[in-house]
Amino acid sequence: MRSCLKEHLGQAAEWYNTQFSQPCEEALGSLRRGLGEHSEDWDLAECYESESDEQSNGDLDPGRLLFNLATRIYEGASEALFPTSGYNEVTDSFLISPWSPLQSAEEFKLSRWFLQSGVSQEQIDDYFRSPSVPKGSYTTGRGFTCCLDEMSSRNGLRTESWVHSGVEIGSQVVPYCYRDPMAIVRFLLRQRAFRESLVYAPTMEYNEMGERMYGEMQTVDWWWEMQGSTVIPVICASDGTHLTNFSRDKKAWPVYLTSENIRSETRNKPSNYAIVLLAVLRVPPKLGVGTRADEQHWQSQMALHKVLGDILDSLQSLRQSGELIQCADGFEGLCYPILCAWIMDHPEHAALLNINNDACPRCEVDFKGLGGLQQSAPRIQQRYMEMAKRYKMDTSNKIPVEYLVSKCSKTIYIAFWALPRVNVYDLHKPDILNNLYLRLLKHMMGWVQLFLKKHK
């Protein structure tokens, strides 16, 4: 499962000079040992070895060899270590009973319609009350839900995987529930439906002009810089949901998780269920304005990051050792999950980073400089962490606090600081709905209207 990185001709010049200072046979032999079982890449090498033999003078064509043999192998990247035990047995069971836990293809189609149409359990109960409806694996809406739970539990996402806890905010305990993020990562990587869409190693792609092309996550520099064995880029997404205007303005904050190892065309399709609910956090009601409201807002910020620290704790515990995870191809790999992005709108990013709503999550620009062309200094996580550490060592020293306040930071603790290889100020990713469709389009429409009024 190793992946090859094809480089641009100019960038491969140094590699060529070192590799082909030796005879052609020896160079191709070393390439054969590096490629191993990757027949496709070795066929290229054999092809140009035979072409070089046909040259009458026995000299190598540098341009041809640079283009076709400048391939660098990232040793150990996405390496399959062990076959997954029981993988073939599960395959045989699927062949014997492909619709399990359902009984037939007709029942499978009916269940899929129930799921995709979003009918309620009461409607499913009404459907099965008809005497003309044949009886199958389930006869009630509750039975249909149990069948779905059984299918999910085969890969570790059963109903019992939810952890219920609570956090104290002021004088009340706010409940929340969550799953282990590593359980969701294991669930996604072992899904056989995603087998052809899974990517395990970074690549670099170039067009005909030799220009670097960026597309999927594996083509960017972040994955290449992080790659050690098998990197699992974890994406989280959240959006506060307004539940009701009654009962003191109740809100909830669902958090979802997916993996960049799944190609975007598969991951972003809702019917593939590649984005899994990670946690549901209850947002405490507002208290209006005043000292008490400000104090509760500060407590809510601290409680939010305490909760996020508990939820993402399993990602922190694997920072050194990694974990052997069963993948959809039937092998186990040593995987290192790393949080790489968090998709949400700007107010939630501000809460996530513990900064003011009118501050930039990427740089230290002041409020008056927002929207300007002058480049500001980026936010450096290590510097902020050092200031927070200095204050904890000596709480009488107010200089670190004054520094953080000057950078629009509201607290001295951010849960993501404990995560390995994560820069919290790089987690910000544009939300298409809020940043482009709503904000940018609305801004452009307003600008065009003013332009047309002045140039009638």
Protein backbone atom coordinates (compact mmCIF):
# COMPACT_ATOMS: atom_id res chain seq x y z
CA MET A 1 0.00 0.00 0.00
CA ARG A 2 2.89 2.37 -0.39
CA SER A 3 2.24 5.39 -2.54
CA CYS A 4 4.60 6.94 -5.08
CA LEU A 5 5.25 10.66 -5.38
CA LYS A 6 5.86 11.83 -8.96
CA GLU A 7 7.95 15.00 -9.06
CA HIS A 8 8.37 17.77 -11.61
CA LEU A 9 11.34 17.48 -13.99
CA GLY A 10 13.22 20.45 -12.60
CA GLN A 11 12.76 19.32 -9.00
CA ALA A 12 14.11 15.87 -9.84
CA ALA A 13 17.47 17.12 -11.19
CA GLU A 14 19.32 16.59 -7.92
CA TRP A 15 17.78 13.15 -7.50
CA TYR A 16 18.83 12.23 -11.04
CA ASN A 17 22.43 13.32 -10.55
CA THR A 18 22.81 11.16 -7.45
CA GLN A 19 20.99 8.11 -8.77
CA PHE A 20 22.41 7.90 -12.29
CA SER A 21 26.03 8.51 -11.46
CA GLN A 22 26.02 4.72 -11.27
CA PRO A 23 25.56 2.34 -14.22
CA CYS A 24 22.06 1.92 -15.64
CA GLU A 25 21.65 -1.69 -14.50
CA GLU A 26 22.62 -0.83 -10.93
CA ALA A 27 20.33 2.21 -10.85
CA LEU A 28 17.37 0.23 -12.15
CA GLY A 29 18.16 -2.54 -9.71
CA SER A 30 18.00 -0.13 -6.78
CA LEU A 31 14.73 1.21 -8.16
CA ARG A 32 13.35 -2.34 -8.33
CA ARG A 33 14.23 -2.92 -4.69
CA GLY A 34 12.57 0.35 -3.68
CA LEU A 35 9.37 -0.28 -5.62
CA GLY A 36 8.96 -3.82 -4.36
CA GLU A 37 5.59 -5.23 -5.37
CA HIS A 38 4.28 -2.10 -7.06
CA SER A 39 4.02 -3.63 -10.52
CA GLU A 40 2.65 -0.55 -12.22
CA ASP A 41 5.67 1.57 -11.32
CA TRP A 42 8.05 -1.30 -12.06
CA ASP A 43 6.55 -1.75 -15.53
CA LEU A 44 7.57 1.84 -16.28
CA ALA A 45 11.12 1.09 -15.16
CA GLU A 46 11.30 -2.06 -17.28
CA CYS A 47 9.96 -0.16 -20.27
CA TYR A 48 12.67 2.47 -20.18
CA GLU A 49 15.35 -0.06 -19.35
CA SER A 50 14.54 -1.85 -22.61
CA GLU A 51 14.52 1.45 -24.48
CA SER A 52 17.96 2.31 -23.15
CA ASP A 53 19.28 -1.09 -24.30
CA GLU A 54 18.14 -0.32 -27.85
CA GLN A 55 20.30 2.80 -28.07
CA SER A 56 23.34 2.09 -30.18
CA ASN A 57 25.80 4.10 -28.15
CA GLY A 58 24.54 2.78 -24.82
CA ASP A 59 24.07 6.32 -23.41
CA LEU A 60 21.05 7.23 -21.31
CA ASP A 61 18.57 9.85 -22.45
CA PRO A 62 18.49 12.22 -19.46
CA GLY A 63 15.19 13.85 -20.38
CA ARG A 64 13.36 10.53 -20.75
CA LEU A 65 14.75 9.11 -17.51
CA LEU A 66 14.06 12.27 -15.54
CA PHE A 67 10.43 12.23 -16.57
CA ASN A 68 9.75 8.56 -15.99
CA LEU A 69 12.08 7.49 -13.20
CA ALA A 70 11.97 10.53 -10.87
CA THR A 71 9.75 8.71 -8.38
CA ARG A 72 10.31 8.96 -4.66
CA ILE A 73 8.90 6.37 -2.26
CA TYR A 74 7.82 7.51 1.19
CA GLU A 75 9.08 4.57 3.22
CA GLY A 76 6.43 3.15 5.53
CA ALA A 77 3.66 5.48 4.33
CA SER A 78 0.31 3.66 4.55
CA GLU A 79 2.11 0.35 5.01
CA ALA A 80 -0.13 -2.67 5.56
CA LEU A 81 1.28 -4.50 8.58
CA PHE A 82 -1.00 -7.48 9.27
CA PRO A 83 -3.98 -9.14 7.59
CA THR A 84 -7.23 -8.50 9.45
CA SER A 85 -8.32 -11.62 11.31
CA GLY A 86 -11.72 -12.88 10.22
CA TYR A 87 -11.85 -10.69 7.12
CA ASN A 88 -12.37 -13.61 4.73
CA GLU A 89 -14.97 -15.17 7.04
CA VAL A 90 -16.99 -11.97 7.00
CA THR A 91 -16.74 -11.88 3.22
CA ASP A 92 -18.05 -15.45 3.02
CA SER A 93 -20.93 -14.61 5.34
CA PHE A 94 -21.89 -11.70 3.08
CA LEU A 95 -21.95 -14.05 0.11
CA ILE A 96 -24.13 -16.53 1.96
CA SER A 97 -26.51 -13.97 3.45
CA PRO A 98 -25.97 -10.60 1.69
CA TRP A 99 -29.08 -8.96 3.19
CA SER A 100 -28.39 -9.81 6.85
CA PRO A 101 -29.90 -8.87 9.27
CA LEU A 102 -32.75 -8.52 6.74
CA GLN A 103 -34.23 -11.53 4.98
CA SER A 104 -34.54 -10.58 1.30
CA ALA A 105 -33.76 -8.01 -1.35
CA GLU A 106 -37.36 -6.74 -1.22
CA GLU A 107 -37.11 -6.10 2.50
CA PHE A 108 -33.78 -4.35 1.96
CA LYS A 109 -35.32 -2.01 -0.64
CA LEU A 110 -38.24 -1.27 1.67
CA SER A 111 -35.90 -0.53 4.58
CA ARG A 112 -33.78 1.73 2.41
CA TRP A 113 -36.92 3.66 1.44
CA PHE A 114 -37.90 3.99 5.11
CA LEU A 115 -34.47 5.37 5.88
CA GLN A 116 -34.12 7.78 2.96
CA SER A 117 -37.68 9.12 3.09
CA GLY A 118 -37.43 9.95 6.79
CA VAL A 119 -40.75 8.40 7.83
CA SER A 120 -41.49 8.23 11.54
CA GLN A 121 -41.79 5.10 13.68
CA GLU A 122 -45.55 5.69 13.97
CA GLN A 123 -45.89 5.68 10.17
CA ILE A 124 -43.92 2.43 9.96
CA ASP A 125 -46.24 0.95 12.60
CA ASP A 126 -49.27 2.00 10.54
CA TYR A 127 -47.78 0.39 7.44
CA PHE A 128 -47.34 -2.98 9.12
CA ARG A 129 -50.85 -2.95 10.58
CA SER A 130 -52.20 -3.69 7.11
CA PRO A 131 -53.03 -7.44 6.83
CA SER A 132 -51.73 -7.56 3.25
CA VAL A 133 -48.19 -6.65 4.27
CA PRO A 134 -45.94 -9.71 4.62
CA LYS A 135 -44.04 -10.16 7.89
CA GLY A 136 -40.27 -9.91 7.80
CA SER A 137 -37.34 -9.22 10.10
CA TYR A 138 -39.30 -6.47 11.87
CA THR A 139 -42.95 -5.48 12.13
CA THR A 140 -42.72 -2.15 14.00
CA GLY A 141 -40.87 1.12 13.78
CA ARG A 142 -38.93 0.18 16.89
CA GLY A 143 -37.90 -3.10 15.26
CA PHE A 144 -36.65 -1.19 12.21
CA THR A 145 -34.48 0.99 14.46
CA CYS A 146 -33.09 -2.12 16.18
CA CYS A 147 -32.10 -3.57 12.78
CA LEU A 148 -30.21 -0.40 11.95
CA ASP A 149 -28.47 -0.51 15.34
CA GLU A 150 -27.48 -4.12 14.72
CA MET A 151 -25.90 -3.19 11.38
CA SER A 152 -23.96 -0.33 12.99
CA SER A 153 -22.91 -2.40 16.00
CA ARG A 154 -21.03 -4.81 13.75
CA ASN A 155 -18.42 -2.09 13.32
CA GLY A 156 -18.51 -0.74 16.85
CA LEU A 157 -21.09 2.09 16.64
CA ARG A 158 -23.86 0.69 18.76
CA THR A 159 -26.31 2.63 20.89
CA GLU A 160 -24.31 1.75 24.00
CA SER A 161 -21.29 3.62 22.57
CA TRP A 162 -22.75 6.92 23.78
CA VAL A 163 -21.23 8.36 26.95
CA HIS A 164 -23.47 10.57 29.08
CA SER A 165 -21.87 13.18 31.28
CA GLY A 166 -22.39 16.69 32.61
CA VAL A 167 -20.46 19.90 33.22
CA GLU A 168 -21.08 22.45 35.94
CA ILE A 169 -21.85 25.99 34.79
CA GLY A 170 -22.60 28.30 37.68
CA SER A 171 -25.07 26.55 39.95
CA GLN A 172 -26.44 24.10 37.38
CA VAL A 173 -25.13 20.93 35.76
CA VAL A 174 -25.54 20.96 31.97
CA PRO A 175 -25.75 17.44 30.48
CA TYR A 176 -24.05 16.36 27.26
CA CYS A 177 -23.39 13.09 25.47
CA TYR A 178 -20.63 12.00 23.11
CA ARG A 179 -18.93 9.07 21.42
CA ASP A 180 -15.28 8.13 21.43
CA PRO A 181 -13.85 9.78 18.27
CA MET A 182 -11.56 6.81 17.72
CA ALA A 183 -14.62 4.51 17.58
CA ILE A 184 -15.93 6.62 14.69
CA VAL A 185 -12.53 6.58 12.96
CA ARG A 186 -12.42 2.77 13.20
CA PHE A 187 -16.01 2.58 11.95
CA LEU A 188 -15.25 4.69 8.86
CA LEU A 189 -11.96 3.02 7.90
CA ARG A 190 -13.33 -0.51 8.01
CA GLN A 191 -16.43 0.26 5.92
CA ARG A 192 -16.17 -1.94 2.84
CA ALA A 193 -18.46 0.41 0.95
CA PHE A 194 -15.65 3.01 1.10
CA ARG A 195 -12.89 0.63 0.03
CA GLU A 196 -12.38 2.16 -3.42
CA SER A 197 -12.62 5.70 -2.03
CA LEU A 198 -10.03 5.41 0.76
CA VAL A 199 -6.64 7.12 0.46
CA TYR A 200 -3.79 6.26 2.84
CA ALA A 201 -0.77 8.26 1.63
CA PRO A 202 0.04 11.76 0.31
CA THR A 203 0.83 12.50 -3.33
CA MET A 204 1.94 15.43 -5.45
CA GLU A 205 0.27 15.99 -8.79
CA TYR A 206 1.39 18.16 -11.70
CA ASN A 207 -0.24 19.22 -14.94
CA GLU A 208 1.27 19.18 -18.43
CA MET A 209 3.09 22.46 -17.74
CA GLY A 210 4.78 21.10 -14.63
CA GLU A 211 2.63 23.19 -12.30
CA ARG A 212 1.61 21.79 -8.92
CA MET A 213 -2.08 20.82 -8.81
CA TYR A 214 -4.12 20.79 -5.60
CA GLY A 215 -7.38 18.93 -5.15
CA GLU A 216 -8.06 16.28 -2.56
CA MET A 217 -6.52 16.41 0.90
CA GLN A 218 -3.72 14.00 -0.02
CA THR A 219 -2.36 16.50 -2.59
CA VAL A 220 -1.64 19.31 -0.09
CA ASP A 221 1.59 19.93 1.84
CA TRP A 222 -0.02 19.38 5.26
CA TRP A 223 -0.41 15.64 4.77
CA TRP A 224 3.12 15.28 3.39
CA GLU A 225 4.58 17.15 6.36
CA MET A 226 2.60 15.06 8.85
CA GLN A 227 3.11 11.67 7.17
CA GLY A 228 4.92 9.13 9.27
CA SER A 229 3.15 5.80 9.00
CA THR A 230 -0.55 6.19 8.15
CA VAL A 231 -2.03 9.59 8.95
CA ILE A 232 -5.77 9.83 9.58
CA PRO A 233 -6.78 13.48 9.00
CA VAL A 234 -9.85 14.05 11.18
CA ILE A 235 -12.43 16.70 10.28
CA CYS A 236 -15.01 17.97 12.75
CA ALA A 237 -18.02 20.12 11.92
CA SER A 238 -20.57 21.81 14.15
CA ASP A 239 -23.38 24.31 14.00
CA GLY A 240 -25.51 25.62 16.84
CA THR A 241 -29.15 24.55 16.42
CA HIS A 242 -32.06 26.61 17.74
CA LEU A 243 -34.61 24.22 19.24
CA THR A 244 -37.43 26.38 20.54
CA ASN A 245 -38.29 29.91 21.67
CA PHE A 246 -40.14 28.50 24.65
CA SER A 247 -38.62 27.03 27.81
CA ARG A 248 -35.94 29.75 28.08
CA ASP A 249 -34.66 29.73 24.49
CA LYS A 250 -33.20 26.22 24.28
CA LYS A 251 -30.34 25.43 21.90
CA ALA A 252 -28.14 22.45 21.13
CA TRP A 253 -24.68 22.16 19.59
CA PRO A 254 -24.18 18.95 17.55
CA VAL A 255 -20.63 17.99 16.57
CA TYR A 256 -19.92 15.69 13.61
CA LEU A 257 -16.79 13.81 12.60
CA THR A 258 -15.43 12.37 9.37
CA SER A 259 -12.05 11.46 7.87
CA GLU A 260 -10.17 12.99 4.95
CA ASN A 261 -9.02 9.49 3.99
CA ILE A 262 -12.41 9.17 2.27
CA ARG A 263 -12.48 11.04 -1.02
CA SER A 264 -14.67 14.12 -1.04
CA GLU A 265 -17.02 12.86 -3.74
CA THR A 266 -17.95 9.97 -1.42
CA ARG A 267 -17.65 11.78 1.90
CA ASN A 268 -19.86 14.73 0.94
CA LYS A 269 -22.74 12.61 -0.35
CA PRO A 270 -25.33 12.47 2.48
CA SER A 271 -26.66 9.05 1.47
CA ASN A 272 -23.20 7.51 2.11
CA TYR A 273 -23.35 8.40 5.82
CA ALA A 274 -19.63 9.14 5.94
CA ILE A 275 -20.17 11.99 8.43
CA VAL A 276 -21.07 10.61 11.86
CA LEU A 277 -22.52 12.38 14.89
CA LEU A 278 -19.80 12.69 17.53
CA ALA A 279 -21.42 14.70 20.34
CA VAL A 280 -24.48 16.70 21.31
CA LEU A 281 -23.84 19.61 23.66
CA ARG A 282 -26.62 21.56 25.30
CA VAL A 283 -26.21 25.34 25.21
CA PRO A 284 -27.32 26.94 28.50
CA PRO A 285 -29.97 29.70 28.20
CA LYS A 286 -28.94 33.34 28.16
CA LEU A 287 -29.33 35.50 31.25
CA GLY A 288 -29.56 38.85 29.45
CA VAL A 289 -26.97 41.54 30.26
CA GLY A 290 -25.12 42.57 33.37
CA THR A 291 -22.42 41.22 35.65
CA ARG A 292 -24.14 37.87 36.19
CA ALA A 293 -24.54 37.31 32.44
CA ASP A 294 -20.87 38.16 31.77
CA GLU A 295 -19.76 35.76 34.48
CA GLN A 296 -21.93 32.98 33.09
CA HIS A 297 -20.61 33.61 29.58
CA TRP A 298 -17.04 33.22 30.87
CA GLN A 299 -17.98 30.05 32.72
CA SER A 300 -19.67 28.69 29.60
CA GLN A 301 -16.49 29.30 27.57
CA MET A 302 -14.38 27.42 30.11
CA ALA A 303 -16.95 24.62 30.32
CA LEU A 304 -17.02 24.29 26.52
CA HIS A 305 -13.29 23.68 26.34
CA LYS A 306 -13.39 21.31 29.29
CA VAL A 307 -16.04 19.28 27.46
CA LEU A 308 -14.07 19.35 24.20
CA GLY A 309 -10.99 18.19 26.10
CA ASP A 310 -12.91 15.19 27.45
CA ILE A 311 -14.38 14.34 24.04
CA LEU A 312 -11.05 14.52 22.16
CA ASP A 313 -9.01 12.83 24.88
CA SER A 314 -8.54 9.61 22.89
CA LEU A 315 -6.85 11.58 20.07
CA GLN A 316 -4.35 12.95 22.57
CA SER A 317 -3.55 9.55 24.07
CA LEU A 318 -2.37 8.21 20.66
CA ARG A 319 0.13 11.01 20.04
CA GLN A 320 3.18 8.73 20.36
CA SER A 321 2.15 5.12 19.86
CA GLY A 322 -0.65 5.34 17.27
CA GLU A 323 -3.13 2.48 16.93
CA LEU A 324 -3.44 -0.60 14.75
CA ILE A 325 -6.72 -0.10 12.88
CA GLN A 326 -8.48 -2.57 10.61
CA CYS A 327 -9.00 -1.03 7.17
CA ALA A 328 -11.48 -1.83 4.42
CA ASP A 329 -8.82 -3.54 2.28
CA GLY A 330 -8.45 -6.40 4.78
CA PHE A 331 -5.21 -5.25 6.43
CA GLU A 332 -4.25 -3.46 9.62
CA GLY A 333 -2.12 -0.33 9.56
CA LEU A 334 -0.43 1.75 12.26
CA CYS A 335 -2.60 4.88 12.21
CA TYR A 336 -2.10 8.31 13.76
CA PRO A 337 -5.32 10.37 13.91
CA ILE A 338 -4.69 14.12 13.69
CA LEU A 339 -7.33 16.83 13.86
CA CYS A 340 -6.82 18.90 10.69
CA ALA A 341 -9.96 21.04 10.27
CA TRP A 342 -13.10 22.23 12.03
CA ILE A 343 -15.93 23.50 9.84
CA MET A 344 -18.27 26.08 11.38
CA ASP A 345 -19.33 29.69 11.03
CA HIS A 346 -17.32 32.62 12.39
CA PRO A 347 -19.08 33.12 15.78
CA GLU A 348 -18.50 29.47 16.63
CA HIS A 349 -14.88 29.72 15.53
CA ALA A 350 -14.50 32.64 17.90
CA ALA A 351 -15.89 30.51 20.73
CA LEU A 352 -13.66 27.62 19.72
CA LEU A 353 -10.53 29.78 19.78
CA ASN A 354 -11.63 31.80 22.83
CA ILE A 355 -11.27 35.11 20.98
CA ASN A 356 -13.59 38.08 20.52
CA ASN A 357 -16.23 37.90 17.80
CA ASP A 358 -14.70 40.89 16.01
CA ALA A 359 -11.22 39.28 15.88
CA CYS A 360 -9.59 37.37 13.04
CA PRO A 361 -8.99 33.64 13.79
CA ARG A 362 -5.85 33.53 11.63
CA CYS A 363 -3.92 36.75 12.35
CA GLU A 364 -3.56 39.47 14.99
CA VAL A 365 -5.11 42.30 12.98
CA ASP A 366 -7.04 44.83 15.05
CA PHE A 367 -10.69 45.65 14.50
CA LYS A 368 -10.01 48.76 12.38
CA GLY A 369 -7.73 46.78 10.10
CA LEU A 370 -10.30 44.12 9.21
CA GLY A 371 -10.93 44.08 5.47
CA GLY A 372 -7.77 46.06 4.75
CA LEU A 373 -4.91 45.10 2.44
CA GLN A 374 -2.12 45.34 5.02
CA GLN A 375 -0.79 41.97 6.11
CA SER A 376 -0.76 41.34 9.86
CA ALA A 377 1.29 38.96 11.97
CA PRO A 378 -0.15 35.45 12.20
CA ARG A 379 -1.34 33.99 15.46
CA ILE A 380 1.46 31.84 16.90
CA GLN A 381 0.09 29.11 19.12
CA GLN A 382 3.37 28.39 20.88
CA ARG A 383 3.66 32.01 22.02
CA TYR A 384 0.14 31.99 23.47
CA MET A 385 0.78 28.69 25.23
CA GLU A 386 3.96 30.08 26.75
CA MET A 387 2.10 33.13 28.08
CA ALA A 388 -0.59 30.93 29.63
CA LYS A 389 2.10 28.77 31.23
CA ARG A 390 3.86 31.81 32.70
CA TYR A 391 0.62 33.01 34.26
CA LYS A 392 -0.12 29.60 35.79
CA MET A 393 3.35 29.54 37.36
CA ASP A 394 2.89 33.02 38.84
CA THR A 395 -0.71 34.24 39.04
CA SER A 396 0.44 37.58 40.45
CA ASN A 397 2.17 38.36 37.15
CA LYS A 398 -0.42 40.16 35.00
CA ILE A 399 1.83 40.72 31.99
CA PRO A 400 0.84 37.42 30.26
CA VAL A 401 -2.85 38.18 30.80
CA GLU A 402 -2.46 41.69 29.41
CA TYR A 403 -0.66 40.28 26.38
CA LEU A 404 -3.41 37.73 25.67
CA VAL A 405 -6.12 40.37 26.12
CA SER A 406 -4.32 42.63 23.64
CA LYS A 407 -4.55 39.77 21.12
CA CYS A 408 -8.35 39.51 21.67
CA SER A 409 -8.02 36.30 23.69
CA LYS A 410 -10.65 35.85 26.42
CA THR A 411 -9.25 32.93 28.46
CA ILE A 412 -5.92 31.25 29.07
CA TYR A 413 -7.06 27.72 28.23
CA ILE A 414 -7.92 26.14 24.87
CA ALA A 415 -8.65 22.42 24.71
CA PHE A 416 -6.87 21.97 21.37
CA TRP A 417 -3.52 22.98 22.83
CA ALA A 418 -3.26 19.48 24.29
CA LEU A 419 -3.71 17.75 20.91
CA PRO A 420 -0.52 16.61 19.14
CA ARG A 421 0.49 18.23 15.85
CA VAL A 422 -2.52 20.54 15.91
CA ASN A 423 -2.29 24.29 15.41
CA VAL A 424 -5.66 25.56 16.56
CA TYR A 425 -5.33 28.71 14.44
CA ASP A 426 -5.06 26.59 11.28
CA LEU A 427 -8.27 24.67 12.00
CA HIS A 428 -10.40 27.46 10.58
CA LYS A 429 -11.88 26.42 7.24
CA PRO A 430 -14.45 28.44 5.27
CA ASP A 431 -18.06 27.43 5.62
CA ILE A 432 -19.52 27.52 2.09
CA LEU A 433 -23.01 28.45 3.25
CA ASN A 434 -22.10 31.21 5.71
CA ASN A 435 -18.90 32.55 4.14
CA LEU A 436 -19.67 32.35 0.43
CA TYR A 437 -23.37 31.92 -0.30
CA LEU A 438 -24.65 34.22 2.44
CA ARG A 439 -21.86 36.66 3.37
CA LEU A 440 -19.86 37.13 0.19
CA LEU A 441 -22.85 37.03 -2.15
CA LYS A 442 -24.78 39.45 0.05
CA HIS A 443 -21.77 41.80 0.16
CA MET A 444 -21.37 41.65 -3.63
CA MET A 445 -25.06 42.31 -4.25
CA GLY A 446 -24.95 45.37 -1.98
CA TRP A 447 -21.84 46.66 -3.74
CA VAL A 448 -23.39 46.17 -7.19
CA GLN A 449 -26.57 47.99 -6.14
CA LEU A 450 -24.56 51.00 -4.90
CA PHE A 451 -22.50 50.97 -8.09
CA LEU A 452 -25.60 50.96 -10.30
CA LYS A 453 -27.22 53.79 -8.33
CA LYS A 454 -24.17 55.99 -8.82
CA HIS A 455 -23.82 55.10 -12.52
CA LYS A 456 -27.40 55.23 -13.77
